[in-house]
N, C-alpha and C. Protein backbone atom coordinates (compact mmCIF):
# COMPACT_ATOMS: atom_id res chain seq x y z
N UNK A 1 57.02 116.25 173.55
CA UNK A 1 57.83 117.32 172.96
C UNK A 1 59.20 117.36 173.64
N UNK A 2 60.29 117.49 172.88
CA UNK A 2 61.62 117.53 173.50
C UNK A 2 61.79 118.74 174.36
N UNK A 3 62.71 118.63 175.33
CA UNK A 3 62.98 119.77 176.19
C UNK A 3 63.75 120.84 175.41
N UNK A 4 63.51 122.13 175.74
CA UNK A 4 64.26 123.18 175.05
C UNK A 4 65.76 123.04 175.26
N UNK A 5 66.50 123.42 174.25
CA UNK A 5 67.98 123.38 174.32
C UNK A 5 68.47 124.82 174.18
N UNK A 6 68.43 125.60 175.29
CA UNK A 6 68.81 127.02 175.19
C UNK A 6 70.25 127.22 174.77
N UNK A 7 71.14 126.33 175.13
CA UNK A 7 72.55 126.51 174.74
C UNK A 7 72.70 126.44 173.21
N UNK A 8 72.00 125.51 172.58
CA UNK A 8 72.05 125.41 171.12
C UNK A 8 71.41 126.63 170.49
N UNK A 9 70.33 127.10 171.07
CA UNK A 9 69.65 128.29 170.54
C UNK A 9 70.55 129.52 170.64
N UNK A 10 71.25 129.66 171.77
CA UNK A 10 72.16 130.79 171.94
C UNK A 10 73.32 130.71 170.96
N UNK A 11 73.87 129.51 170.78
CA UNK A 11 74.97 129.33 169.84
C UNK A 11 74.53 129.70 168.42
N UNK A 12 73.30 129.32 168.07
CA UNK A 12 72.79 129.66 166.75
C UNK A 12 72.63 131.18 166.60
N UNK A 13 72.11 131.81 167.65
CA UNK A 13 71.96 133.26 167.60
C UNK A 13 73.30 133.95 167.43
N UNK A 14 74.31 133.50 168.17
CA UNK A 14 75.63 134.14 168.07
C UNK A 14 76.20 133.98 166.65
N UNK A 15 75.98 132.84 166.04
CA UNK A 15 76.40 132.64 164.65
C UNK A 15 75.62 133.59 163.73
N UNK A 16 74.32 133.69 163.98
CA UNK A 16 73.47 134.59 163.17
C UNK A 16 73.90 136.05 163.34
N UNK A 17 74.21 136.43 164.57
CA UNK A 17 74.60 137.80 164.84
C UNK A 17 75.91 138.15 164.10
N UNK A 18 76.86 137.22 164.10
CA UNK A 18 78.11 137.45 163.37
C UNK A 18 77.86 137.55 161.88
N UNK A 19 77.02 136.67 161.35
CA UNK A 19 76.72 136.71 159.93
C UNK A 19 76.07 138.05 159.54
N UNK A 20 75.10 138.47 160.35
CA UNK A 20 74.40 139.74 160.07
C UNK A 20 75.35 140.93 160.13
N UNK A 21 76.31 140.86 161.04
CA UNK A 21 77.26 141.97 161.18
C UNK A 21 78.03 142.18 159.88
N UNK A 22 78.36 141.11 159.21
CA UNK A 22 79.18 141.23 158.00
C UNK A 22 78.39 141.22 156.70
N UNK A 23 77.16 140.73 156.72
CA UNK A 23 76.45 140.51 155.48
C UNK A 23 75.13 141.25 155.33
N UNK A 24 74.61 141.86 156.40
CA UNK A 24 73.31 142.52 156.34
C UNK A 24 73.44 143.98 156.70
N UNK A 25 72.43 144.72 156.32
CA UNK A 25 72.36 146.13 156.75
C UNK A 25 72.35 146.16 158.27
N UNK A 26 72.94 147.20 158.83
CA UNK A 26 73.05 147.30 160.29
C UNK A 26 71.71 147.12 160.97
N UNK A 27 71.68 146.27 161.98
CA UNK A 27 70.47 146.00 162.74
C UNK A 27 70.53 146.65 164.13
N UNK A 28 71.54 147.46 164.37
CA UNK A 28 71.73 148.03 165.70
C UNK A 28 70.52 148.84 166.17
N UNK A 29 69.78 149.42 165.19
CA UNK A 29 68.64 150.25 165.60
C UNK A 29 67.61 149.41 166.37
N UNK A 30 67.60 148.10 166.19
CA UNK A 30 66.63 147.26 166.89
C UNK A 30 67.05 147.01 168.35
N UNK A 31 68.25 147.46 168.71
CA UNK A 31 68.65 147.37 170.11
C UNK A 31 68.02 148.51 170.93
N UNK A 32 67.61 149.58 170.26
CA UNK A 32 67.14 150.77 170.97
C UNK A 32 65.89 151.30 170.28
N UNK A 33 64.81 150.56 170.39
CA UNK A 33 63.53 150.97 169.82
C UNK A 33 62.58 151.30 170.95
N UNK A 34 61.87 152.40 170.80
CA UNK A 34 60.91 152.83 171.80
C UNK A 34 59.59 153.14 171.12
N UNK A 35 58.55 153.27 171.92
CA UNK A 35 57.26 153.66 171.39
C UNK A 35 57.42 154.96 170.61
N UNK A 36 56.92 155.02 169.37
CA UNK A 36 57.10 156.24 168.56
C UNK A 36 56.68 157.49 169.31
N UNK A 37 57.47 158.56 169.21
CA UNK A 37 57.25 159.76 170.01
C UNK A 37 56.16 160.64 169.47
N UNK A 38 55.83 160.54 168.19
CA UNK A 38 54.83 161.43 167.60
C UNK A 38 53.82 160.61 166.80
N UNK A 39 52.64 161.18 166.56
CA UNK A 39 51.66 160.49 165.70
C UNK A 39 52.21 160.18 164.32
N UNK A 40 52.99 161.08 163.76
CA UNK A 40 53.55 160.85 162.43
C UNK A 40 54.50 159.66 162.45
N UNK A 41 55.38 159.58 163.46
CA UNK A 41 56.29 158.44 163.58
C UNK A 41 55.50 157.13 163.72
N UNK A 42 54.43 157.19 164.51
CA UNK A 42 53.61 156.00 164.73
C UNK A 42 52.97 155.54 163.43
N UNK A 43 52.41 156.49 162.68
CA UNK A 43 51.75 156.11 161.44
C UNK A 43 52.75 155.57 160.43
N UNK A 44 53.96 156.14 160.38
CA UNK A 44 54.98 155.63 159.47
C UNK A 44 55.37 154.20 159.85
N UNK A 45 55.48 153.93 161.15
CA UNK A 45 55.79 152.58 161.61
C UNK A 45 54.68 151.61 161.23
N UNK A 46 53.46 152.05 161.42
CA UNK A 46 52.30 151.22 161.06
C UNK A 46 52.26 150.96 159.56
N UNK A 47 52.47 152.00 158.77
CA UNK A 47 52.45 151.84 157.31
C UNK A 47 53.56 150.91 156.84
N UNK A 48 54.72 150.99 157.47
CA UNK A 48 55.81 150.11 157.12
C UNK A 48 55.47 148.65 157.38
N UNK A 49 54.82 148.40 158.50
CA UNK A 49 54.42 147.02 158.82
C UNK A 49 53.38 146.52 157.84
N UNK A 50 52.39 147.36 157.56
CA UNK A 50 51.29 146.94 156.66
C UNK A 50 51.82 146.74 155.24
N UNK A 51 52.50 147.72 154.70
CA UNK A 51 52.95 147.62 153.31
C UNK A 51 54.10 146.63 153.13
N UNK A 52 54.84 146.34 154.21
CA UNK A 52 55.91 145.37 154.11
C UNK A 52 55.42 143.94 154.14
N UNK A 53 54.16 143.76 154.52
CA UNK A 53 53.61 142.41 154.61
C UNK A 53 53.49 141.80 153.21
N UNK A 54 54.13 140.65 153.02
CA UNK A 54 53.99 139.93 151.78
C UNK A 54 54.92 140.38 150.66
N UNK A 55 55.77 141.37 150.91
CA UNK A 55 56.73 141.79 149.91
C UNK A 55 58.11 141.86 150.55
N UNK A 56 59.14 141.90 149.74
CA UNK A 56 60.49 141.93 150.28
C UNK A 56 60.81 143.32 150.81
N UNK A 57 61.77 143.34 151.75
CA UNK A 57 62.21 144.63 152.30
C UNK A 57 62.80 145.51 151.20
N UNK A 58 63.48 144.88 150.24
CA UNK A 58 64.08 145.64 149.14
C UNK A 58 63.00 146.33 148.29
N UNK A 59 61.90 145.62 148.04
CA UNK A 59 60.80 146.21 147.26
C UNK A 59 60.16 147.36 148.04
N UNK A 60 59.97 147.17 149.36
CA UNK A 60 59.39 148.24 150.17
C UNK A 60 60.27 149.49 150.15
N UNK A 61 61.58 149.29 150.22
CA UNK A 61 62.49 150.46 150.18
C UNK A 61 62.36 151.23 148.88
N UNK A 62 62.17 150.52 147.77
CA UNK A 62 62.00 151.19 146.49
C UNK A 62 60.71 151.99 146.46
N UNK A 63 59.64 151.43 147.01
CA UNK A 63 58.33 152.10 146.99
C UNK A 63 58.21 153.19 148.05
N UNK A 64 59.01 153.12 149.08
CA UNK A 64 58.79 153.97 150.25
C UNK A 64 58.76 155.48 149.97
N UNK A 65 59.67 156.04 149.19
CA UNK A 65 59.62 157.49 148.94
C UNK A 65 58.28 157.93 148.31
N UNK A 66 57.76 157.10 147.41
CA UNK A 66 56.47 157.43 146.78
C UNK A 66 55.32 157.26 147.76
N UNK A 67 55.42 156.26 148.64
CA UNK A 67 54.38 156.08 149.66
C UNK A 67 54.39 157.25 150.63
N UNK A 68 55.58 157.67 151.04
CA UNK A 68 55.67 158.82 151.93
C UNK A 68 54.97 160.03 151.34
N UNK A 69 55.21 160.28 150.07
CA UNK A 69 54.59 161.42 149.42
C UNK A 69 53.06 161.24 149.32
N UNK A 70 52.63 160.05 148.94
CA UNK A 70 51.20 159.79 148.82
C UNK A 70 50.49 159.95 150.15
N UNK A 71 51.13 159.53 151.23
CA UNK A 71 50.52 159.65 152.57
C UNK A 71 50.87 160.98 153.25
N UNK A 72 51.33 161.95 152.45
CA UNK A 72 51.59 163.30 152.95
C UNK A 72 52.53 163.27 154.15
N UNK A 73 53.54 162.43 154.01
CA UNK A 73 54.60 162.29 155.02
C UNK A 73 54.03 161.93 156.38
N UNK A 74 52.93 161.13 156.32
CA UNK A 74 52.34 160.48 157.49
C UNK A 74 51.85 161.48 158.54
N UNK A 75 51.31 162.60 158.08
CA UNK A 75 50.69 163.57 158.98
C UNK A 75 49.21 163.19 159.13
N UNK A 76 48.80 162.62 160.27
CA UNK A 76 47.43 162.12 160.41
C UNK A 76 46.35 163.15 160.16
N UNK A 77 46.54 164.38 160.65
CA UNK A 77 45.51 165.41 160.44
C UNK A 77 45.33 165.73 158.97
N UNK A 78 46.43 165.80 158.23
CA UNK A 78 46.39 166.08 156.81
C UNK A 78 45.69 164.96 156.05
N UNK A 79 46.00 163.72 156.42
CA UNK A 79 45.37 162.58 155.76
C UNK A 79 43.87 162.56 156.05
N UNK A 80 43.48 162.83 157.30
CA UNK A 80 42.07 162.82 157.67
C UNK A 80 41.28 163.89 156.91
N UNK A 81 41.92 165.01 156.63
CA UNK A 81 41.24 166.09 155.90
C UNK A 81 41.12 165.81 154.41
N UNK A 82 42.00 164.97 153.88
CA UNK A 82 42.05 164.70 152.43
C UNK A 82 42.02 163.20 152.19
N UNK A 83 41.13 162.54 152.85
CA UNK A 83 41.09 161.07 152.86
C UNK A 83 41.03 160.50 151.44
N UNK A 84 40.11 160.98 150.62
CA UNK A 84 39.94 160.41 149.28
C UNK A 84 41.16 160.65 148.41
N UNK A 85 41.69 161.87 148.44
CA UNK A 85 42.86 162.19 147.62
C UNK A 85 44.07 161.34 148.04
N UNK A 86 44.24 161.18 149.34
CA UNK A 86 45.37 160.37 149.85
C UNK A 86 45.18 158.90 149.43
N UNK A 87 43.97 158.40 149.58
CA UNK A 87 43.69 157.02 149.20
C UNK A 87 44.02 156.78 147.72
N UNK A 88 43.54 157.68 146.86
CA UNK A 88 43.78 157.52 145.42
C UNK A 88 45.28 157.61 145.10
N UNK A 89 45.97 158.52 145.78
CA UNK A 89 47.42 158.67 145.53
C UNK A 89 48.18 157.43 145.95
N UNK A 90 47.83 156.87 147.11
CA UNK A 90 48.51 155.66 147.58
C UNK A 90 48.22 154.46 146.70
N UNK A 91 47.00 154.37 146.20
CA UNK A 91 46.64 153.25 145.33
C UNK A 91 47.37 153.31 144.00
N UNK A 92 47.77 154.48 143.60
CA UNK A 92 48.58 154.58 142.37
C UNK A 92 50.00 154.07 142.60
N UNK A 93 50.44 154.06 143.83
CA UNK A 93 51.77 153.54 144.16
C UNK A 93 51.71 152.02 144.34
N UNK A 94 50.71 151.56 145.09
CA UNK A 94 50.56 150.13 145.35
C UNK A 94 49.09 149.83 145.38
N UNK A 95 48.62 149.07 144.41
CA UNK A 95 47.20 148.81 144.23
C UNK A 95 46.75 147.67 145.14
N UNK A 96 46.67 148.00 146.41
CA UNK A 96 46.24 147.03 147.43
C UNK A 96 45.29 147.77 148.38
N UNK A 97 44.00 147.84 148.02
CA UNK A 97 43.05 148.67 148.77
C UNK A 97 43.01 148.37 150.28
N UNK A 98 43.09 147.09 150.68
CA UNK A 98 42.99 146.77 152.09
C UNK A 98 44.13 147.40 152.89
N UNK A 99 45.34 147.39 152.31
CA UNK A 99 46.48 148.00 152.99
C UNK A 99 46.33 149.52 153.05
N UNK A 100 45.99 150.11 151.93
CA UNK A 100 45.86 151.58 151.87
C UNK A 100 44.75 152.03 152.82
N UNK A 101 43.62 151.35 152.82
CA UNK A 101 42.51 151.74 153.69
C UNK A 101 42.89 151.57 155.17
N UNK A 102 43.73 150.57 155.48
CA UNK A 102 44.16 150.39 156.88
C UNK A 102 44.99 151.58 157.33
N UNK A 103 45.90 152.05 156.48
CA UNK A 103 46.74 153.20 156.85
C UNK A 103 45.87 154.46 157.01
N UNK A 104 44.97 154.67 156.07
CA UNK A 104 44.12 155.88 156.12
C UNK A 104 43.21 155.83 157.34
N UNK A 105 42.64 154.67 157.66
CA UNK A 105 41.78 154.54 158.82
C UNK A 105 42.55 154.78 160.11
N UNK A 106 43.77 154.25 160.18
CA UNK A 106 44.59 154.45 161.40
C UNK A 106 44.98 155.93 161.52
N UNK A 107 45.23 156.59 160.40
CA UNK A 107 45.48 158.04 160.45
C UNK A 107 44.29 158.76 161.08
N UNK A 108 43.07 158.33 160.73
CA UNK A 108 41.90 158.93 161.33
C UNK A 108 41.82 158.71 162.82
N UNK A 109 42.18 157.51 163.27
CA UNK A 109 42.20 157.24 164.71
C UNK A 109 43.21 158.14 165.43
N UNK A 110 44.36 158.34 164.82
CA UNK A 110 45.38 159.19 165.41
C UNK A 110 44.93 160.65 165.43
N UNK A 111 44.22 161.06 164.40
CA UNK A 111 43.78 162.45 164.31
C UNK A 111 42.65 162.76 165.29
N UNK A 112 41.90 161.73 165.66
CA UNK A 112 40.68 161.95 166.43
C UNK A 112 40.87 161.95 167.94
N UNK A 113 42.07 161.71 168.44
CA UNK A 113 42.27 161.63 169.89
C UNK A 113 43.67 162.06 170.25
N UNK A 114 43.87 162.48 171.50
CA UNK A 114 45.24 162.81 171.93
C UNK A 114 46.14 161.60 171.75
N UNK A 115 47.38 161.85 171.41
CA UNK A 115 48.29 160.76 171.09
C UNK A 115 48.52 159.84 172.29
N UNK A 116 48.60 160.39 173.50
CA UNK A 116 48.84 159.53 174.66
C UNK A 116 47.68 158.57 174.88
N UNK A 117 46.45 159.00 174.52
CA UNK A 117 45.31 158.09 174.62
C UNK A 117 45.42 156.95 173.58
N UNK A 118 45.85 157.34 172.38
CA UNK A 118 46.06 156.31 171.34
C UNK A 118 47.07 155.27 171.80
N UNK A 119 48.20 155.75 172.34
CA UNK A 119 49.25 154.85 172.82
C UNK A 119 48.72 153.93 173.91
N UNK A 120 48.00 154.49 174.88
CA UNK A 120 47.49 153.70 175.99
C UNK A 120 46.44 152.68 175.55
N UNK A 121 45.76 152.98 174.44
CA UNK A 121 44.72 152.07 173.95
C UNK A 121 45.29 150.98 173.06
N UNK A 122 46.21 151.36 172.17
CA UNK A 122 46.63 150.44 171.11
C UNK A 122 48.08 149.94 171.21
N UNK A 123 48.98 150.70 171.79
CA UNK A 123 50.40 150.35 171.73
C UNK A 123 50.92 149.82 173.05
N UNK A 124 50.17 148.90 173.66
CA UNK A 124 50.59 148.32 174.94
C UNK A 124 50.84 146.82 174.86
N UNK A 125 50.34 146.17 173.83
CA UNK A 125 50.51 144.72 173.69
C UNK A 125 50.10 144.31 172.28
N UNK A 126 50.50 143.11 171.84
CA UNK A 126 50.04 142.65 170.54
C UNK A 126 48.51 142.55 170.43
N UNK A 127 47.85 142.12 171.50
CA UNK A 127 46.40 142.02 171.46
C UNK A 127 45.77 143.40 171.27
N UNK A 128 46.33 144.41 171.95
CA UNK A 128 45.78 145.76 171.78
C UNK A 128 46.03 146.27 170.36
N UNK A 129 47.22 146.00 169.84
CA UNK A 129 47.54 146.39 168.46
C UNK A 129 46.60 145.69 167.48
N UNK A 130 46.16 144.48 167.83
CA UNK A 130 45.25 143.75 166.97
C UNK A 130 43.93 144.41 166.75
N UNK A 131 43.60 145.45 167.52
CA UNK A 131 42.38 146.22 167.29
C UNK A 131 42.50 147.13 166.06
N UNK A 132 43.72 147.40 165.65
CA UNK A 132 43.93 148.25 164.47
C UNK A 132 43.71 147.46 163.21
N UNK A 133 43.33 148.12 162.12
CA UNK A 133 43.05 147.40 160.88
C UNK A 133 44.28 146.73 160.29
N UNK A 134 44.07 145.57 159.70
CA UNK A 134 45.08 144.78 159.00
C UNK A 134 46.11 144.11 159.93
N UNK A 135 45.93 144.29 161.23
CA UNK A 135 46.89 143.71 162.17
C UNK A 135 46.48 142.30 162.51
N UNK A 136 46.88 141.35 161.64
CA UNK A 136 46.59 139.94 161.89
C UNK A 136 47.44 139.35 162.99
N UNK A 137 47.35 138.05 163.18
CA UNK A 137 48.00 137.41 164.33
C UNK A 137 49.52 137.55 164.33
N UNK A 138 50.13 137.52 163.14
CA UNK A 138 51.57 137.67 163.08
C UNK A 138 51.98 139.14 162.99
N UNK A 139 51.23 139.90 162.18
CA UNK A 139 51.63 141.28 161.91
C UNK A 139 51.56 142.15 163.18
N UNK A 140 50.63 141.86 164.07
CA UNK A 140 50.54 142.64 165.30
C UNK A 140 51.81 142.48 166.15
N UNK A 141 52.46 141.32 166.06
CA UNK A 141 53.71 141.13 166.80
C UNK A 141 54.85 141.90 166.14
N UNK A 142 54.84 141.99 164.82
CA UNK A 142 55.83 142.81 164.13
C UNK A 142 55.68 144.29 164.53
N UNK A 143 54.45 144.77 164.56
CA UNK A 143 54.20 146.14 164.96
C UNK A 143 54.63 146.38 166.41
N UNK A 144 54.34 145.40 167.26
CA UNK A 144 54.76 145.51 168.67
C UNK A 144 56.27 145.61 168.78
N UNK A 145 56.97 144.73 168.07
CA UNK A 145 58.44 144.77 168.08
C UNK A 145 58.96 146.10 167.57
N UNK A 146 58.37 146.59 166.48
CA UNK A 146 58.87 147.83 165.89
C UNK A 146 58.50 149.06 166.72
N UNK A 147 57.63 148.89 167.68
CA UNK A 147 57.31 149.97 168.62
C UNK A 147 58.05 149.82 169.95
N UNK A 148 58.98 148.87 169.98
CA UNK A 148 59.81 148.74 171.18
C UNK A 148 59.24 147.85 172.26
N UNK A 149 58.14 147.18 171.99
CA UNK A 149 57.58 146.27 173.00
C UNK A 149 58.35 144.95 172.96
N UNK A 150 58.47 144.27 174.07
CA UNK A 150 59.33 143.09 174.14
C UNK A 150 58.66 141.80 173.62
N UNK A 151 58.35 141.81 172.34
CA UNK A 151 57.70 140.66 171.71
C UNK A 151 58.43 140.25 170.45
N UNK A 152 58.39 138.95 170.18
CA UNK A 152 58.96 138.40 168.94
C UNK A 152 57.82 138.01 168.01
N UNK A 153 58.05 138.17 166.70
CA UNK A 153 57.03 137.84 165.73
C UNK A 153 57.10 136.35 165.39
N UNK A 154 55.99 135.62 165.55
CA UNK A 154 56.00 134.18 165.26
C UNK A 154 55.84 133.89 163.78
N UNK A 155 56.84 134.32 162.98
CA UNK A 155 56.76 134.04 161.54
C UNK A 155 57.33 132.64 161.27
N UNK A 156 57.26 132.24 160.01
CA UNK A 156 57.64 130.87 159.68
C UNK A 156 59.08 130.54 160.02
N UNK A 157 59.98 131.50 159.86
CA UNK A 157 61.41 131.25 160.13
C UNK A 157 61.66 131.00 161.62
N UNK A 158 61.06 131.85 162.46
CA UNK A 158 61.28 131.69 163.90
C UNK A 158 60.52 130.48 164.45
N UNK A 159 59.38 130.15 163.86
CA UNK A 159 58.67 128.95 164.29
C UNK A 159 59.49 127.69 164.00
N UNK A 160 60.18 127.67 162.86
CA UNK A 160 61.04 126.53 162.55
C UNK A 160 62.19 126.42 163.53
N UNK A 161 62.76 127.58 163.90
CA UNK A 161 63.87 127.57 164.86
C UNK A 161 63.38 127.13 166.25
N UNK A 162 62.20 127.62 166.64
CA UNK A 162 61.66 127.22 167.94
C UNK A 162 61.45 125.71 168.00
N UNK A 163 60.94 125.16 166.93
CA UNK A 163 60.75 123.70 166.88
C UNK A 163 62.10 122.98 166.89
N UNK A 164 63.04 123.50 166.15
CA UNK A 164 64.38 122.87 166.07
C UNK A 164 65.07 122.82 167.41
N UNK A 165 64.88 123.87 168.24
CA UNK A 165 65.59 123.93 169.52
C UNK A 165 64.72 123.53 170.69
N UNK A 166 63.61 122.82 170.41
CA UNK A 166 62.82 122.21 171.47
C UNK A 166 61.81 123.12 172.13
N UNK A 167 61.49 124.25 171.53
CA UNK A 167 60.51 125.17 172.11
C UNK A 167 59.11 125.00 171.52
N UNK A 168 58.94 123.98 170.68
CA UNK A 168 57.64 123.81 170.04
C UNK A 168 57.35 125.00 169.13
N UNK A 169 56.26 125.70 169.42
CA UNK A 169 55.91 126.91 168.65
C UNK A 169 56.08 128.17 169.49
N UNK A 170 56.78 128.02 170.62
CA UNK A 170 56.90 129.14 171.57
C UNK A 170 58.09 130.02 171.21
N UNK A 171 57.90 130.84 170.16
CA UNK A 171 58.93 131.77 169.70
C UNK A 171 59.29 132.77 170.80
N UNK A 172 58.30 133.21 171.53
CA UNK A 172 58.53 134.25 172.56
C UNK A 172 59.51 133.77 173.62
N UNK A 173 59.27 132.58 174.17
CA UNK A 173 60.17 132.08 175.21
C UNK A 173 61.56 131.85 174.66
N UNK A 174 61.67 131.32 173.45
CA UNK A 174 62.98 131.11 172.85
C UNK A 174 63.75 132.43 172.76
N UNK A 175 63.11 133.47 172.24
CA UNK A 175 63.80 134.77 172.11
C UNK A 175 64.10 135.39 173.46
N UNK A 176 63.21 135.23 174.42
CA UNK A 176 63.48 135.74 175.77
C UNK A 176 64.68 135.05 176.38
N UNK A 177 64.75 133.72 176.25
CA UNK A 177 65.87 132.98 176.81
C UNK A 177 67.19 133.38 176.16
N UNK A 178 67.19 133.51 174.85
CA UNK A 178 68.40 133.95 174.16
C UNK A 178 68.78 135.35 174.59
N UNK A 179 67.80 136.23 174.64
CA UNK A 179 68.07 137.62 175.05
C UNK A 179 68.67 137.72 176.43
N UNK A 180 68.16 136.91 177.35
CA UNK A 180 68.71 136.92 178.72
C UNK A 180 70.13 136.43 178.73
N UNK A 181 70.42 135.42 177.91
CA UNK A 181 71.76 134.84 177.89
C UNK A 181 72.81 135.76 177.29
N UNK A 182 72.40 136.56 176.29
CA UNK A 182 73.37 137.42 175.58
C UNK A 182 73.18 138.89 175.90
N UNK A 183 72.26 139.22 176.80
CA UNK A 183 71.99 140.60 177.21
C UNK A 183 71.60 141.46 176.01
N UNK A 184 70.62 140.98 175.27
CA UNK A 184 70.06 141.73 174.14
C UNK A 184 68.55 141.75 174.26
N UNK A 185 67.91 142.81 173.78
CA UNK A 185 66.43 142.86 173.83
C UNK A 185 65.79 141.83 172.91
N UNK A 186 64.59 141.43 173.24
CA UNK A 186 63.88 140.41 172.48
C UNK A 186 63.75 140.84 171.01
N UNK A 187 63.45 142.09 170.77
CA UNK A 187 63.27 142.56 169.40
C UNK A 187 64.52 142.39 168.56
N UNK A 188 65.68 142.61 169.18
CA UNK A 188 66.93 142.47 168.44
C UNK A 188 67.19 140.98 168.14
N UNK A 189 66.94 140.13 169.12
CA UNK A 189 67.09 138.67 168.89
C UNK A 189 66.21 138.24 167.75
N UNK A 190 64.96 138.68 167.78
CA UNK A 190 64.00 138.35 166.72
C UNK A 190 64.52 138.73 165.34
N UNK A 191 64.94 139.99 165.18
CA UNK A 191 65.30 140.45 163.83
C UNK A 191 66.59 139.82 163.34
N UNK A 192 67.52 139.53 164.25
CA UNK A 192 68.76 138.83 163.84
C UNK A 192 68.44 137.43 163.36
N UNK A 193 67.64 136.69 164.13
CA UNK A 193 67.30 135.33 163.72
C UNK A 193 66.52 135.33 162.40
N UNK A 194 65.60 136.26 162.26
CA UNK A 194 64.81 136.34 161.01
C UNK A 194 65.70 136.68 159.82
N UNK A 195 66.57 137.67 160.00
CA UNK A 195 67.43 138.11 158.89
C UNK A 195 68.36 136.98 158.45
N UNK A 196 68.95 136.30 159.42
CA UNK A 196 69.86 135.20 159.12
C UNK A 196 69.12 134.08 158.37
N UNK A 197 67.93 133.74 158.87
CA UNK A 197 67.18 132.63 158.26
C UNK A 197 66.69 132.97 156.87
N UNK A 198 66.24 134.20 156.68
CA UNK A 198 65.63 134.58 155.40
C UNK A 198 66.67 134.93 154.34
N UNK A 199 67.82 135.45 154.76
CA UNK A 199 68.80 135.88 153.77
C UNK A 199 69.93 134.84 153.55
N UNK A 200 70.28 134.11 154.59
CA UNK A 200 71.33 133.10 154.43
C UNK A 200 70.79 131.73 154.15
N UNK A 201 69.45 131.60 154.31
CA UNK A 201 68.74 130.32 154.12
C UNK A 201 69.23 129.26 155.12
N UNK A 202 69.58 129.69 156.36
CA UNK A 202 70.02 128.73 157.36
C UNK A 202 69.09 128.74 158.55
């Protein structure tokens, strides 16, 4: 395997960052992401990761107001009390039972325990997040990133870049090296590279 070329990776990131600045919705929020402060924020973050899987961000944005309403604005206690009604309402928005059931089940977990216990159990690493429903090998890294944990999602775009710059399949090390060089968090590096690759096709 070729040796990593961090200088080339950094140069590519800087080009991507400039492109995103002028061509994409602001990504600055990914510079300052922290573990969600409330159960409702956490469930909304989880639902966004689950329902965003396999569809475009633009499609998710169109569906999101109706999903918010169906999920009772992500209030875990309310969802737990009206599980069937919430499930049926969400399925009328997006007919994907596995996704809807994952959100409803996670709402139950949030409702059944103090939030700090939930955070300590599930929101400490991708492996811990993997205990939650629908959190597959890639999606758990997306959830980790969106909760402010220092992880990059090994999706197809970043895997190609890691291979291109000599990191093999080690997306995490590539993003960490770039982040150290440009003084940006891993999550921001991840989302800039992904956005550039997926929207500019580069």
